[in-house]
Each structure stands twice: as C-alpha cells, then as structure tokens.
C-alpha cells in the first residue's frame, strides 16, 4: 500500500513537472506567434506603402512622358514654323 502511494505521489509530481514544462512551451509559442504576427503586419504595411509609391511613380512617369512629348513637338515645330513664316 505504501509503495502504491509513493508511486502515486511520484506520478503526481512528474505530471506537475510535465504540466509546468508544457505551460512554459505554450508561453514561448505565444511569444513567437506575437513576434511573427508583428513581422507579418510590418511586411503587409511595407507592401502597402510600396504599392502606393509605385502608383505615384507611374503617375509621375506619365506626366514626364507627356512633357517630353510636348517638348519634342515644340522642338520639331520650331524650325517648321520658321520656314513657313520666312516664305
């Protein structure tokens, strides 16, 4: 009977140790999850900002293309107008 009680106490202590280890592991997993979520959220925000920057860049490039086409037309039209006016 005493041996059975001692074995039961040993099992209880072992179980308590295992529960404590599992709780620590759960805490570590929770911390890791929180860090991963923060990293993911930061990456999502960075991607969002990059998309916005890309849109602004495309708009700027279109405006610059229009300006350069107008400048090219003005450069071509200058000599043509000069020839037409001098006749």
N, C-alpha and C. Protein backbone atom coordinates (compact mmCIF):
# COMPACT_ATOMS: atom_id res chain seq x y z
N UNK A 1 0.82 -1.18 0.00
CA UNK A 1 0.00 0.00 0.00
C UNK A 1 0.87 1.26 0.00
N UNK A 2 1.92 1.23 0.82
CA UNK A 2 2.82 2.38 0.91
C UNK A 2 3.54 2.58 -0.42
N UNK A 3 3.96 1.49 -1.04
CA UNK A 3 4.66 1.59 -2.31
C UNK A 3 3.74 2.17 -3.38
N UNK A 4 2.47 1.77 -3.34
CA UNK A 4 1.49 2.30 -4.30
C UNK A 4 1.27 3.79 -4.09
N UNK A 5 1.22 4.22 -2.83
CA UNK A 5 1.03 5.63 -2.52
C UNK A 5 2.24 6.44 -2.98
N UNK A 6 3.44 5.88 -2.72
CA UNK A 6 4.66 6.57 -3.15
C UNK A 6 4.71 6.68 -4.67
N UNK A 7 4.30 5.62 -5.36
CA UNK A 7 4.28 5.65 -6.81
C UNK A 7 3.27 6.69 -7.30
N UNK A 8 2.14 6.77 -6.62
CA UNK A 8 1.11 7.74 -7.00
C UNK A 8 1.63 9.16 -6.80
N UNK A 9 2.33 9.40 -5.69
CA UNK A 9 2.91 10.72 -5.42
C UNK A 9 3.96 11.06 -6.48
N UNK A 10 4.79 10.08 -6.83
CA UNK A 10 5.83 10.29 -7.85
C UNK A 10 5.19 10.62 -9.19
N UNK A 11 4.11 9.90 -9.51
CA UNK A 11 3.41 10.17 -10.77
C UNK A 11 2.81 11.58 -10.76
N UNK A 12 2.25 11.96 -9.62
CA UNK A 12 1.66 13.30 -9.49
C UNK A 12 2.73 14.37 -9.68
N UNK A 13 3.90 14.17 -9.06
CA UNK A 13 4.99 15.14 -9.19
C UNK A 13 5.47 15.21 -10.63
N UNK A 14 5.57 14.05 -11.26
CA UNK A 14 6.00 14.00 -12.66
C UNK A 14 4.99 14.72 -13.55
N UNK A 15 3.73 14.50 -13.29
CA UNK A 15 2.67 15.17 -14.04
C UNK A 15 2.73 16.68 -13.86
N UNK A 16 2.97 17.11 -12.63
CA UNK A 16 3.07 18.55 -12.36
C UNK A 16 4.25 19.15 -13.11
N UNK A 17 5.36 18.42 -13.15
CA UNK A 17 6.53 18.90 -13.89
C UNK A 17 6.22 18.99 -15.39
N UNK A 18 5.54 17.98 -15.88
CA UNK A 18 5.19 17.98 -17.30
C UNK A 18 4.24 19.13 -17.64
N UNK A 19 3.28 19.37 -16.76
CA UNK A 19 2.34 20.47 -16.97
C UNK A 19 3.09 21.80 -16.96
N UNK A 20 4.03 21.94 -16.04
CA UNK A 20 4.82 23.18 -15.96
C UNK A 20 5.64 23.38 -17.23
N UNK A 21 6.24 22.30 -17.73
CA UNK A 21 7.03 22.38 -18.97
C UNK A 21 6.13 22.77 -20.13
N UNK A 22 4.95 22.17 -20.19
CA UNK A 22 4.02 22.47 -21.28
C UNK A 22 3.55 23.92 -21.20
N UNK A 23 3.34 24.43 -19.99
CA UNK A 23 2.93 25.83 -19.84
C UNK A 23 4.02 26.77 -20.34
N UNK A 24 5.28 26.44 -20.00
CA UNK A 24 6.40 27.26 -20.47
C UNK A 24 6.49 27.22 -22.00
N UNK A 25 6.30 26.03 -22.55
CA UNK A 25 6.34 25.90 -24.01
C UNK A 25 5.21 26.71 -24.65
N UNK A 26 4.05 26.69 -24.04
CA UNK A 26 2.92 27.46 -24.56
C UNK A 26 3.21 28.96 -24.51
N UNK A 27 3.85 29.40 -23.44
CA UNK A 27 4.23 30.81 -23.34
C UNK A 27 5.21 31.18 -24.44
N UNK A 28 6.20 30.31 -24.67
CA UNK A 28 7.17 30.58 -25.72
C UNK A 28 6.51 30.59 -27.10
N UNK A 29 5.61 29.65 -27.31
CA UNK A 29 4.89 29.61 -28.58
C UNK A 29 4.04 30.87 -28.77
N UNK A 30 3.42 31.30 -27.71
CA UNK A 30 2.61 32.51 -27.76
C UNK A 30 3.47 33.73 -28.08
N UNK A 31 4.63 33.82 -27.44
CA UNK A 31 5.56 34.91 -27.73
C UNK A 31 6.02 34.87 -29.18
N UNK A 32 6.36 33.67 -29.65
CA UNK A 32 6.79 33.52 -31.04
C UNK A 32 5.68 33.92 -32.00
N UNK A 33 4.46 33.53 -31.68
CA UNK A 33 3.33 33.90 -32.53
C UNK A 33 3.17 35.42 -32.57
N UNK A 34 3.29 36.04 -31.41
CA UNK A 34 3.15 37.51 -31.36
C UNK A 34 4.23 38.18 -32.20
N UNK A 35 5.46 37.70 -32.10
CA UNK A 35 6.56 38.29 -32.88
C UNK A 35 6.33 38.07 -34.37
N UNK A 36 5.91 36.86 -34.74
CA UNK A 36 5.63 36.59 -36.15
C UNK A 36 4.50 37.45 -36.68
N UNK A 37 3.48 37.65 -35.87
CA UNK A 37 2.36 38.50 -36.29
C UNK A 37 2.82 39.93 -36.48
N UNK A 38 3.66 40.42 -35.58
CA UNK A 38 4.20 41.77 -35.72
C UNK A 38 5.00 41.89 -37.02
N UNK A 39 5.84 40.88 -37.28
CA UNK A 39 6.64 40.90 -38.51
C UNK A 39 5.74 40.86 -39.75
N UNK A 40 4.72 40.02 -39.70
CA UNK A 40 3.79 39.91 -40.83
C UNK A 40 3.07 41.24 -41.05
N UNK A 41 2.58 41.83 -39.98
CA UNK A 41 1.87 43.11 -40.09
C UNK A 41 2.79 44.20 -40.65
N UNK A 42 4.05 44.19 -40.20
CA UNK A 42 5.01 45.17 -40.71
C UNK A 42 5.25 44.95 -42.20
N UNK A 43 5.33 43.69 -42.62
CA UNK A 43 5.55 43.39 -44.04
C UNK A 43 4.34 43.79 -44.86
N UNK A 44 3.15 43.56 -44.34
CA UNK A 44 1.93 43.97 -45.04
C UNK A 44 1.92 45.48 -45.22
N UNK A 45 2.27 46.20 -44.17
CA UNK A 45 2.32 47.67 -44.25
C UNK A 45 3.37 48.12 -45.25
N UNK A 46 4.54 47.48 -45.25
CA UNK A 46 5.60 47.83 -46.20
C UNK A 46 5.13 47.58 -47.63
N UNK A 47 4.44 46.47 -47.86
CA UNK A 47 3.92 46.17 -49.20
C UNK A 47 2.89 47.20 -49.63
N UNK A 48 2.05 47.61 -48.70
CA UNK A 48 1.03 48.62 -49.00
C UNK A 48 1.70 49.94 -49.39
N UNK A 49 2.71 50.33 -48.62
CA UNK A 49 3.43 51.56 -48.92
C UNK A 49 4.15 51.47 -50.26
N UNK A 50 4.72 50.30 -50.56
CA UNK A 50 5.41 50.11 -51.83
C UNK A 50 4.44 50.21 -53.00
N UNK A 51 3.24 49.68 -52.85
CA UNK A 51 2.23 49.78 -53.92
C UNK A 51 1.84 51.24 -54.14
N UNK A 52 1.66 51.97 -53.06
CA UNK A 52 1.31 53.38 -53.18
C UNK A 52 2.44 54.16 -53.87
N UNK A 53 3.66 53.86 -53.48
CA UNK A 53 4.82 54.52 -54.09
C UNK A 53 4.90 54.18 -55.58
N UNK A 54 4.59 52.95 -55.94
CA UNK A 54 4.59 52.55 -57.34
C UNK A 54 3.53 53.32 -58.13
N UNK A 55 2.35 53.49 -57.54
CA UNK A 55 1.30 54.27 -58.21
C UNK A 55 1.75 55.71 -58.44
N UNK A 56 2.36 56.32 -57.39
CA UNK A 56 2.84 57.69 -57.52
C UNK A 56 3.93 57.78 -58.60
N UNK A 57 4.79 56.79 -58.63
CA UNK A 57 5.87 56.77 -59.60
C UNK A 57 5.32 56.64 -61.02
N UNK A 58 4.31 55.80 -61.20
CA UNK A 58 3.71 55.65 -62.53
C UNK A 58 3.07 56.96 -62.99
N UNK A 59 2.35 57.63 -62.08
CA UNK A 59 1.73 58.92 -62.41
C UNK A 59 2.81 59.94 -62.81
N UNK A 60 3.88 59.98 -62.03
CA UNK A 60 4.97 60.91 -62.32
C UNK A 60 5.58 60.60 -63.69
N UNK A 61 5.80 59.31 -63.97
CA UNK A 61 6.39 58.94 -65.25
C UNK A 61 5.49 59.31 -66.43
N UNK A 62 4.18 59.15 -66.25
CA UNK A 62 3.23 59.54 -67.32
C UNK A 62 3.30 61.04 -67.56
N UNK A 63 3.31 61.81 -66.47
CA UNK A 63 3.39 63.27 -66.61
C UNK A 63 4.69 63.67 -67.31
N UNK A 64 5.78 63.06 -66.92
CA UNK A 64 7.07 63.38 -67.54
C UNK A 64 7.08 62.98 -69.02
N UNK A 65 6.43 61.88 -69.36
CA UNK A 65 6.36 61.46 -70.76
C UNK A 65 5.57 62.48 -71.57
N UNK A 66 4.46 62.96 -71.02
CA UNK A 66 3.66 63.98 -71.71
C UNK A 66 4.47 65.25 -71.91
N UNK A 67 5.19 65.66 -70.89
CA UNK A 67 6.02 66.86 -71.00
C UNK A 67 7.10 66.68 -72.05
N UNK A 68 7.74 65.51 -72.06
CA UNK A 68 8.81 65.28 -73.04
C UNK A 68 8.26 65.22 -74.46
N UNK A 69 7.06 64.66 -74.65
CA UNK A 69 6.45 64.63 -75.99
C UNK A 69 6.13 66.06 -76.44
N UNK A 70 5.60 66.87 -75.51
CA UNK A 70 5.30 68.26 -75.85
C UNK A 70 6.58 69.02 -76.21
N UNK A 71 7.65 68.78 -75.48
CA UNK A 71 8.93 69.43 -75.76
C UNK A 71 9.46 68.98 -77.11
N UNK A 72 9.31 67.70 -77.42
CA UNK A 72 9.76 67.19 -78.71
C UNK A 72 8.96 67.83 -79.85
N UNK A 73 7.65 67.92 -79.67
CA UNK A 73 6.82 68.56 -80.69
C UNK A 73 7.19 70.03 -80.87
N UNK A 74 7.48 70.70 -79.77
CA UNK A 74 7.90 72.10 -79.85
C UNK A 74 9.24 72.22 -80.56
N UNK A 75 10.14 71.29 -80.30
CA UNK A 75 11.46 71.33 -80.94
C UNK A 75 11.34 71.06 -82.44
N UNK A 76 10.43 70.18 -82.83
CA UNK A 76 10.23 69.89 -84.25
C UNK A 76 9.46 71.02 -84.91
N UNK A 77 8.49 71.57 -84.20
CA UNK A 77 7.66 72.61 -84.79
C UNK A 77 8.41 73.93 -84.97
N UNK A 78 9.41 74.19 -84.14
CA UNK A 78 10.15 75.46 -84.23
C UNK A 78 10.74 75.70 -85.61
N UNK A 79 11.57 74.79 -86.12
CA UNK A 79 12.14 75.02 -87.46
C UNK A 79 11.07 75.06 -88.56
N UNK A 80 10.03 74.24 -88.42
CA UNK A 80 8.97 74.21 -89.43
C UNK A 80 8.25 75.56 -89.48
N UNK A 81 7.92 76.10 -88.33
CA UNK A 81 7.25 77.40 -88.27
C UNK A 81 8.18 78.48 -88.82
N UNK A 82 9.46 78.40 -88.52
CA UNK A 82 10.41 79.38 -89.02
C UNK A 82 10.45 79.35 -90.54
N UNK A 83 10.45 78.16 -91.13
CA UNK A 83 10.47 78.04 -92.60
C UNK A 83 9.18 78.58 -93.18
N UNK A 84 8.05 78.24 -92.58
CA UNK A 84 6.76 78.69 -93.10
C UNK A 84 6.61 80.22 -92.99
N UNK A 85 7.09 80.80 -91.92
CA UNK A 85 6.96 82.24 -91.71
C UNK A 85 7.89 83.00 -92.64
N UNK A 86 9.05 82.45 -92.94
CA UNK A 86 10.03 83.16 -93.76
C UNK A 86 9.64 83.16 -95.24
N UNK A 87 8.67 82.45 -95.68
CA UNK A 87 8.25 82.43 -97.09
C UNK A 87 7.42 83.59 -97.42
